[in-house]
Amino acid sequence: MHARARVDLTFHETIARASGNPVIHRMFTAIQDLTYALMLRSLSDREVRAAGEPVHTVILEHILDRDPDRAREAMRRHLEG
């Protein structure tokens, strides 16, 4: 579970860095420990994990398609869970 949480954390941190917005990246860096703890809790729940993991693929696809509006919306839905 810790390995999955680290991958999840890296996914979100990479997106924050790639945003090009240093404030967003710094804010995410500041809350990484809290975020990691929340990820561990979420990953321990099969239903939450099953709902959240496929969204990463959708977010990444929109980023690779250079569609910021759809990527933003997918990330918003993911974070609101």
Protein backbone atom coordinates (compact mmCIF):
# COMPACT_ATOMS: atom_id res chain seq x y z
CA MET A 1 0.00 0.00 0.00
CA HIS A 2 2.89 2.38 0.74
CA ALA A 3 4.33 1.84 -2.74
CA ARG A 4 0.95 2.65 -4.32
CA ALA A 5 0.63 5.77 -2.19
CA ARG A 6 4.11 6.90 -3.27
CA VAL A 7 3.19 6.42 -6.93
CA ASP A 8 -0.05 8.34 -6.38
CA LEU A 9 1.81 11.13 -4.60
CA THR A 10 4.37 11.30 -7.41
CA PHE A 11 1.57 11.48 -10.00
CA HIS A 12 0.00 14.49 -8.27
CA GLU A 13 3.34 16.18 -7.58
CA THR A 14 4.38 15.77 -11.22
CA ILE A 15 1.18 17.42 -12.38
CA ALA A 16 1.63 20.25 -9.88
CA ARG A 17 5.20 20.80 -11.14
CA ALA A 18 4.16 20.52 -14.80
CA SER A 19 1.49 23.17 -14.29
CA GLY A 20 4.26 25.74 -14.52
CA ASN A 21 2.73 27.54 -11.58
CA PRO A 22 5.34 27.70 -8.80
CA VAL A 23 2.69 28.59 -6.21
CA ILE A 24 0.67 25.45 -6.96
CA HIS A 25 3.81 23.33 -6.84
CA ARG A 26 4.92 24.87 -3.53
CA MET A 27 1.47 24.47 -2.03
CA PHE A 28 1.38 20.80 -3.01
CA THR A 29 4.88 20.27 -1.65
CA ALA A 30 3.80 21.85 1.64
CA ILE A 31 0.89 19.41 2.05
CA GLN A 32 2.61 16.25 0.77
CA ASP A 33 2.75 14.59 4.19
CA LEU A 34 -0.95 15.18 4.80
CA THR A 35 -1.75 14.09 1.26
CA TYR A 36 0.26 10.89 1.69
CA ALA A 37 -1.67 10.03 4.86
CA LEU A 38 -4.99 10.62 3.06
CA MET A 39 -3.83 8.46 0.16
CA LEU A 40 -2.97 5.61 2.51
CA ARG A 41 -6.44 5.83 4.00
CA SER A 42 -8.09 5.95 0.57
CA LEU A 43 -6.02 3.07 -0.78
CA SER A 44 -7.03 0.89 2.16
CA ASP A 45 -10.68 1.15 1.05
CA ARG A 46 -11.31 -1.04 -2.02
CA GLU A 47 -14.30 0.98 -3.21
CA VAL A 48 -12.49 4.30 -2.96
CA ARG A 49 -9.41 2.83 -4.69
CA ALA A 50 -11.52 1.33 -7.48
CA ALA A 51 -13.22 4.67 -8.08
CA GLY A 52 -10.07 6.80 -7.95
CA GLU A 53 -7.43 4.87 -9.84
CA PRO A 54 -9.08 4.94 -13.31
CA VAL A 55 -9.39 8.71 -13.07
CA HIS A 56 -5.60 9.04 -13.17
CA THR A 57 -5.64 7.52 -16.64
CA VAL A 58 -8.32 9.96 -17.77
CA ILE A 59 -6.40 12.93 -16.36
CA LEU A 60 -3.19 11.82 -18.02
CA GLU A 61 -4.93 11.27 -21.37
CA HIS A 62 -6.31 14.82 -21.29
CA ILE A 63 -2.88 16.20 -20.40
CA LEU A 64 -1.25 14.27 -23.25
CA ASP A 65 -4.02 15.51 -25.58
CA ARG A 66 -3.13 19.05 -24.45
CA ASP A 67 -6.70 19.62 -23.34
CA PRO A 68 -6.34 21.66 -20.14
CA ASP A 69 -10.07 22.21 -19.67
CA ARG A 70 -10.88 18.52 -19.67
CA ALA A 71 -7.80 17.70 -17.57
CA ARG A 72 -8.79 20.36 -15.02
CA GLU A 73 -12.34 19.06 -14.86
CA ALA A 74 -11.18 15.44 -14.46
CA MET A 75 -8.76 16.48 -11.68
CA ARG A 76 -11.49 18.48 -9.96
CA ARG A 77 -13.81 15.44 -10.01
CA HIS A 78 -10.97 13.25 -8.73
CA LEU A 79 -10.14 15.55 -5.83
CA GLU A 80 -13.77 15.96 -4.86
CA GLY A 81 -14.07 12.16 -5.00
